[in-house]
Amino acid sequence: DTIQQLFDQWEKTGFYDQLAEQSV
């Protein structure tokens, strides 16, 4: 589930800036 969310996140703009906002 986590890796799929990371792939979906990358499809948008990238990880770093948005990851801190996704506490779950």
PDB file of all heavy atoms in Angstrom:
ATOM      1  N   ASP A   1       0.830  -1.204   0.000  1.00  0.00           N
ATOM      2  CA  ASP A   1       0.000   0.000   0.000  1.00  0.00           C
ATOM      3  C   ASP A   1       0.868   1.260   0.000  1.00  0.00           C
ATOM      4  O   ASP A   1       0.585   2.224  -0.719  1.00  0.00           O
ATOM      5  CB  ASP A   1      -0.913  -0.014   1.230  1.00  0.00           C
ATOM      6  CG  ASP A   1      -1.789   1.234   1.315  1.00  0.00           C
ATOM      7  OD1 ASP A   1      -2.618   1.435   0.415  1.00  0.00           O
ATOM      8  OD2 ASP A   1      -1.621   2.019   2.276  1.00  0.00           O
ATOM      9  N   THR A   2       1.939   1.241   0.770  1.00  0.00           N
ATOM     10  CA  THR A   2       2.815   2.406   0.871  1.00  0.00           C
ATOM     11  C   THR A   2       3.521   2.700  -0.435  1.00  0.00           C
ATOM     12  O   THR A   2       3.575   3.854  -0.883  1.00  0.00           O
ATOM     13  CB  THR A   2       3.859   2.188   1.989  1.00  0.00           C
ATOM     14  OG1 THR A   2       3.187   1.920   3.212  1.00  0.00           O
ATOM     15  CG2 THR A   2       4.740   3.420   2.158  1.00  0.00           C
ATOM     16  N   ILE A   3       4.077   1.683  -1.061  1.00  0.00           N
ATOM     17  CA  ILE A   3       4.817   1.908  -2.304  1.00  0.00           C
ATOM     18  C   ILE A   3       3.892   2.389  -3.414  1.00  0.00           C
ATOM     19  O   ILE A   3       4.270   3.215  -4.256  1.00  0.00           O
ATOM     20  CB  ILE A   3       5.600   0.638  -2.729  1.00  0.00           C
ATOM     21  CG1 ILE A   3       6.783   1.013  -3.637  1.00  0.00           C
ATOM     22  CG2 ILE A   3       4.705  -0.366  -3.430  1.00  0.00           C
ATOM     23  CD1 ILE A   3       7.911   1.708  -2.926  1.00  0.00           C
ATOM     24  N   GLN A   4       2.643   1.900  -3.414  1.00  0.00           N
ATOM     25  CA  GLN A   4       1.685   2.373  -4.417  1.00  0.00           C
ATOM     26  C   GLN A   4       1.355   3.841  -4.198  1.00  0.00           C
ATOM     27  O   GLN A   4       1.235   4.624  -5.149  1.00  0.00           O
ATOM     28  CB  GLN A   4       0.410   1.526  -4.377  1.00  0.00           C
ATOM     29  CG  GLN A   4      -0.570   1.838  -5.499  1.00  0.00           C
ATOM     30  CD  GLN A   4       0.040   1.646  -6.873  1.00  0.00           C
ATOM     31  OE1 GLN A   4       0.545   0.587  -7.193  1.00  0.00           O
ATOM     32  NE2 GLN A   4       0.021   2.694  -7.700  1.00  0.00           N
ATOM     33  N   GLN A   5       1.210   4.236  -2.933  1.00  0.00           N
ATOM     34  CA  GLN A   5       0.971   5.646  -2.636  1.00  0.00           C
ATOM     35  C   GLN A   5       2.154   6.508  -3.064  1.00  0.00           C
ATOM     36  O   GLN A   5       1.968   7.627  -3.565  1.00  0.00           O
ATOM     37  CB  GLN A   5       0.705   5.830  -1.141  1.00  0.00           C
ATOM     38  CG  GLN A   5      -0.636   5.296  -0.667  1.00  0.00           C
ATOM     39  CD  GLN A   5      -0.902   5.677   0.782  1.00  0.00           C
ATOM     40  OE1 GLN A   5      -0.893   6.853   1.129  1.00  0.00           O
ATOM     41  NE2 GLN A   5      -1.143   4.672   1.625  1.00  0.00           N
ATOM     42  N   LEU A   6       3.359   5.993  -2.869  1.00  0.00           N
ATOM     43  CA  LEU A   6       4.541   6.735  -3.298  1.00  0.00           C
ATOM     44  C   LEU A   6       4.580   6.898  -4.813  1.00  0.00           C
ATOM     45  O   LEU A   6       4.923   7.973  -5.323  1.00  0.00           O
ATOM     46  CB  LEU A   6       5.799   6.032  -2.816  1.00  0.00           C
ATOM     47  CG  LEU A   6       6.098   6.109  -1.317  1.00  0.00           C
ATOM     48  CD1 LEU A   6       7.282   5.223  -0.969  1.00  0.00           C
ATOM     49  CD2 LEU A   6       6.372   7.541  -0.897  1.00  0.00           C
ATOM     50  N   PHE A   7       4.227   5.840  -5.535  1.00  0.00           N
ATOM     51  CA  PHE A   7       4.176   5.943  -6.995  1.00  0.00           C
ATOM     52  C   PHE A   7       3.130   6.973  -7.425  1.00  0.00           C
ATOM     53  O   PHE A   7       3.374   7.787  -8.324  1.00  0.00           O
ATOM     54  CB  PHE A   7       3.842   4.580  -7.611  1.00  0.00           C
ATOM     55  CG  PHE A   7       4.964   3.579  -7.550  1.00  0.00           C
ATOM     56  CD1 PHE A   7       4.718   2.235  -7.754  1.00  0.00           C
ATOM     57  CD2 PHE A   7       6.264   3.977  -7.297  1.00  0.00           C
ATOM     58  CE1 PHE A   7       5.746   1.299  -7.706  1.00  0.00           C
ATOM     59  CE2 PHE A   7       7.302   3.068  -7.241  1.00  0.00           C
ATOM     60  CZ  PHE A   7       7.037   1.717  -7.450  1.00  0.00           C
ATOM     61  N   ASP A   8       1.965   6.915  -6.784  1.00  0.00           N
ATOM     62  CA  ASP A   8       0.902   7.881  -7.115  1.00  0.00           C
ATOM     63  C   ASP A   8       1.354   9.302  -6.805  1.00  0.00           C
ATOM     64  O   ASP A   8       1.062  10.236  -7.557  1.00  0.00           O
ATOM     65  CB  ASP A   8      -0.372   7.555  -6.333  1.00  0.00           C
ATOM     66  CG  ASP A   8      -0.999   6.228  -6.748  1.00  0.00           C
ATOM     67  OD1 ASP A   8      -0.666   5.738  -7.849  1.00  0.00           O
ATOM     68  OD2 ASP A   8      -1.801   5.678  -5.976  1.00  0.00           O
ATOM     69  N   GLN A   9       2.085   9.466  -5.685  1.00  0.00           N
ATOM     70  CA  GLN A   9       2.580  10.776  -5.291  1.00  0.00           C
ATOM     71  C   GLN A   9       3.574  11.309  -6.314  1.00  0.00           C
ATOM     72  O   GLN A   9       3.542  12.484  -6.686  1.00  0.00           O
ATOM     73  CB  GLN A   9       3.251  10.668  -3.922  1.00  0.00           C
ATOM     74  CG  GLN A   9       3.559  12.001  -3.260  1.00  0.00           C
ATOM     75  CD  GLN A   9       2.300  12.712  -2.785  1.00  0.00           C
ATOM     76  OE1 GLN A   9       1.421  12.079  -2.227  1.00  0.00           O
ATOM     77  NE2 GLN A   9       2.214  13.996  -3.038  1.00  0.00           N
ATOM     78  N   TRP A  10       4.454  10.420  -6.773  1.00  0.00           N
ATOM     79  CA  TRP A  10       5.460  10.840  -7.750  1.00  0.00           C
ATOM     80  C   TRP A  10       4.806  11.283  -9.056  1.00  0.00           C
ATOM     81  O   TRP A  10       5.296  12.197  -9.723  1.00  0.00           O
ATOM     82  CB  TRP A  10       6.430   9.695  -8.016  1.00  0.00           C
ATOM     83  CG  TRP A  10       7.598  10.121  -8.856  1.00  0.00           C
ATOM     84  CD1 TRP A  10       8.788  10.606  -8.425  1.00  0.00           C
ATOM     85  CD2 TRP A  10       7.656  10.102 -10.289  1.00  0.00           C
ATOM     86  NE1 TRP A  10       9.595  10.900  -9.491  1.00  0.00           N
ATOM     87  CE2 TRP A  10       8.929  10.608 -10.650  1.00  0.00           C
ATOM     88  CE3 TRP A  10       6.769   9.733 -11.290  1.00  0.00           C
ATOM     89  CZ2 TRP A  10       9.328  10.731 -11.974  1.00  0.00           C
ATOM     90  CZ3 TRP A  10       7.164   9.858 -12.616  1.00  0.00           C
ATOM     91  CH2 TRP A  10       8.434  10.344 -12.946  1.00  0.00           C
ATOM     92  N   GLU A  11       3.708  10.647  -9.427  1.00  0.00           N
ATOM     93  CA  GLU A  11       3.021  10.989 -10.670  1.00  0.00           C
ATOM     94  C   GLU A  11       2.535  12.440 -10.659  1.00  0.00           C
ATOM     95  O   GLU A  11       2.336  13.041 -11.713  1.00  0.00           O
ATOM     96  CB  GLU A  11       1.821  10.064 -10.894  1.00  0.00           C
ATOM     97  CG  GLU A  11       2.186   8.607 -11.165  1.00  0.00           C
ATOM     98  CD  GLU A  11       2.696   8.384 -12.569  1.00  0.00           C
ATOM     99  OE1 GLU A  11       2.741   9.349 -13.346  1.00  0.00           O
ATOM    100  OE2 GLU A  11       3.078   7.242 -12.876  1.00  0.00           O
ATOM    101  N   LYS A  12       2.354  12.993  -9.464  1.00  0.00           N
ATOM    102  CA  LYS A  12       1.863  14.374  -9.382  1.00  0.00           C
ATOM    103  C   LYS A  12       3.021  15.353  -9.578  1.00  0.00           C
ATOM    104  O   LYS A  12       3.206  15.907 -10.649  1.00  0.00           O
ATOM    105  CB  LYS A  12       1.176  14.599  -8.034  1.00  0.00           C
ATOM    106  CG  LYS A  12      -0.052  13.727  -7.836  1.00  0.00           C
ATOM    107  CD  LYS A  12      -0.631  13.890  -6.438  1.00  0.00           C
ATOM    108  CE  LYS A  12      -1.812  12.951  -6.218  1.00  0.00           C
ATOM    109  NZ  LYS A  12      -2.354  13.049  -4.832  1.00  0.00           N
ATOM    110  N   THR A  13       3.809  15.569  -8.546  1.00  0.00           N
ATOM    111  CA  THR A  13       4.933  16.511  -8.680  1.00  0.00           C
ATOM    112  C   THR A  13       6.215  16.022  -8.042  1.00  0.00           C
ATOM    113  O   THR A  13       7.272  16.603  -8.248  1.00  0.00           O
ATOM    114  CB  THR A  13       4.571  17.867  -8.030  1.00  0.00           C
ATOM    115  OG1 THR A  13       4.235  17.631  -6.665  1.00  0.00           O
ATOM    116  CG2 THR A  13       3.410  18.529  -8.762  1.00  0.00           C
ATOM    117  N   GLY A  14       6.151  15.009  -7.232  1.00  0.00           N
ATOM    118  CA  GLY A  14       7.335  14.546  -6.520  1.00  0.00           C
ATOM    119  C   GLY A  14       7.000  14.271  -5.074  1.00  0.00           C
ATOM    120  O   GLY A  14       5.861  14.400  -4.657  1.00  0.00           O
ATOM    121  N   PHE A  15       7.999  13.864  -4.294  1.00  0.00           N
ATOM    122  CA  PHE A  15       7.733  13.408  -2.929  1.00  0.00           C
ATOM    123  C   PHE A  15       7.984  14.472  -1.867  1.00  0.00           C
ATOM    124  O   PHE A  15       7.182  14.725  -1.005  1.00  0.00           O
ATOM    125  CB  PHE A  15       8.640  12.215  -2.597  1.00  0.00           C
ATOM    126  CG  PHE A  15       8.508  11.078  -3.551  1.00  0.00           C
ATOM    127  CD1 PHE A  15       9.540  10.766  -4.408  1.00  0.00           C
ATOM    128  CD2 PHE A  15       7.357  10.313  -3.588  1.00  0.00           C
ATOM    129  CE1 PHE A  15       9.427   9.714  -5.289  1.00  0.00           C
ATOM    130  CE2 PHE A  15       7.249   9.256  -4.460  1.00  0.00           C
ATOM    131  CZ  PHE A  15       8.281   8.960  -5.312  1.00  0.00           C
ATOM    132  N   TYR A  16       9.128  15.073  -1.923  1.00  0.00           N
ATOM    133  CA  TYR A  16       9.713  15.702  -0.742  1.00  0.00           C
ATOM    134  C   TYR A  16       8.795  16.724  -0.071  1.00  0.00           C
ATOM    135  O   TYR A  16       8.504  16.646   1.114  1.00  0.00           O
ATOM    136  CB  TYR A  16      11.039  16.338  -1.129  1.00  0.00           C
ATOM    137  CG  TYR A  16      11.767  16.952   0.031  1.00  0.00           C
ATOM    138  CD1 TYR A  16      12.190  16.161   1.094  1.00  0.00           C
ATOM    139  CD2 TYR A  16      12.026  18.311   0.082  1.00  0.00           C
ATOM    140  CE1 TYR A  16      12.864  16.704   2.165  1.00  0.00           C
ATOM    141  CE2 TYR A  16      12.694  18.864   1.147  1.00  0.00           C
ATOM    142  CZ  TYR A  16      13.110  18.060   2.183  1.00  0.00           C
ATOM    143  OH  TYR A  16      13.775  18.604   3.246  1.00  0.00           O
ATOM    144  N   ASP A  17       8.341  17.716  -0.813  1.00  0.00           N
ATOM    145  CA  ASP A  17       7.560  18.789  -0.210  1.00  0.00           C
ATOM    146  C   ASP A  17       6.227  18.303   0.320  1.00  0.00           C
ATOM    147  O   ASP A  17       5.712  18.824   1.301  1.00  0.00           O
ATOM    148  CB  ASP A  17       7.332  19.909  -1.229  1.00  0.00           C
ATOM    149  CG  ASP A  17       8.641  20.596  -1.589  1.00  0.00           C
ATOM    150  OD1 ASP A  17       9.556  20.560  -0.748  1.00  0.00           O
ATOM    151  OD2 ASP A  17       8.745  21.147  -2.693  1.00  0.00           O
ATOM    152  N   GLN A  18       5.639  17.302  -0.375  1.00  0.00           N
ATOM    153  CA  GLN A  18       4.307  16.860  -0.003  1.00  0.00           C
ATOM    154  C   GLN A  18       4.323  15.771   1.054  1.00  0.00           C
ATOM    155  O   GLN A  18       3.340  15.608   1.775  1.00  0.00           O
ATOM    156  CB  GLN A  18       3.568  16.352  -1.244  1.00  0.00           C
ATOM    157  CG  GLN A  18       3.434  17.419  -2.324  1.00  0.00           C
ATOM    158  CD  GLN A  18       2.801  16.860  -3.588  1.00  0.00           C
ATOM    159  OE1 GLN A  18       2.224  15.789  -3.556  1.00  0.00           O
ATOM    160  NE2 GLN A  18       2.913  17.597  -4.675  1.00  0.00           N
ATOM    161  N   LEU A  19       5.421  15.054   1.185  1.00  0.00           N
ATOM    162  CA  LEU A  19       5.450  13.907   2.080  1.00  0.00           C
ATOM    163  C   LEU A  19       5.301  14.333   3.541  1.00  0.00           C
ATOM    164  O   LEU A  19       4.654  13.646   4.341  1.00  0.00           O
ATOM    165  CB  LEU A  19       6.761  13.141   1.895  1.00  0.00           C
ATOM    166  CG  LEU A  19       6.715  11.640   2.215  1.00  0.00           C
ATOM    167  CD1 LEU A  19       5.656  10.944   1.391  1.00  0.00           C
ATOM    168  CD2 LEU A  19       8.073  11.014   1.975  1.00  0.00           C
ATOM    169  N   ALA A  20       5.887  15.477   3.889  1.00  0.00           N
ATOM    170  CA  ALA A  20       5.799  15.949   5.270  1.00  0.00           C
ATOM    171  C   ALA A  20       4.362  16.246   5.677  1.00  0.00           C
ATOM    172  O   ALA A  20       4.024  16.213   6.859  1.00  0.00           O
ATOM    173  CB  ALA A  20       6.670  17.198   5.436  1.00  0.00           C
ATOM    174  N   GLU A  21       3.515  16.542   4.702  1.00  0.00           N
ATOM    175  CA  GLU A  21       2.124  16.864   4.995  1.00  0.00           C
ATOM    176  C   GLU A  21       1.249  15.616   5.100  1.00  0.00           C
ATOM    177  O   GLU A  21       0.081  15.713   5.464  1.00  0.00           O
ATOM    178  CB  GLU A  21       1.560  17.779   3.894  1.00  0.00           C
ATOM    179  CG  GLU A  21       2.351  19.086   3.737  1.00  0.00           C
ATOM    180  CD  GLU A  21       1.899  19.863   2.515  1.00  0.00           C
ATOM    181  OE1 GLU A  21       0.923  19.423   1.860  1.00  0.00           O
ATOM    182  OE2 GLU A  21       2.510  20.905   2.223  1.00  0.00           O
ATOM    183  N   GLN A  22       1.791  14.460   4.764  1.00  0.00           N
ATOM    184  CA  GLN A  22       0.996  13.231   4.764  1.00  0.00           C
ATOM    185  C   GLN A  22       1.429  12.355   5.941  1.00  0.00           C
ATOM    186  O   GLN A  22       2.238  11.445   5.806  1.00  0.00           O
ATOM    187  CB  GLN A  22       1.167  12.504   3.436  1.00  0.00           C
ATOM    188  CG  GLN A  22       0.695  13.357   2.256  1.00  0.00           C
ATOM    189  CD  GLN A  22       0.566  12.546   0.989  1.00  0.00           C
ATOM    190  OE1 GLN A  22       0.344  11.348   1.031  1.00  0.00           O
ATOM    191  NE2 GLN A  22       0.689  13.212  -0.140  1.00  0.00           N
ATOM    192  N   SER A  23       0.882  12.668   7.081  1.00  0.00           N
ATOM    193  CA  SER A  23       1.288  12.005   8.320  1.00  0.00           C
ATOM    194  C   SER A  23       0.992  10.514   8.300  1.00  0.00           C
ATOM    195  O   SER A  23       1.750   9.708   8.854  1.00  0.00           O
ATOM    196  CB  SER A  23       0.593  12.657   9.519  1.00  0.00           C
ATOM    197  OG  SER A  23      -0.822  12.604   9.358  1.00  0.00           O
ATOM    198  N   VAL A  24      -0.116  10.108   7.651  1.00  0.00           N
ATOM    199  CA  VAL A  24      -0.473   8.689   7.600  1.00  0.00           C
ATOM    200  C   VAL A  24       0.570   7.899   6.812  1.00  0.00           C
ATOM    201  O   VAL A  24       1.007   6.818   7.229  1.00  0.00           O
ATOM    202  CB  VAL A  24      -1.873   8.498   6.974  1.00  0.00           C
ATOM    203  CG1 VAL A  24      -2.177   7.012   6.810  1.00  0.00           C
ATOM    204  CG2 VAL A  24      -2.943   9.158   7.841  1.00  0.00           C
TER     205      VAL A  24
END
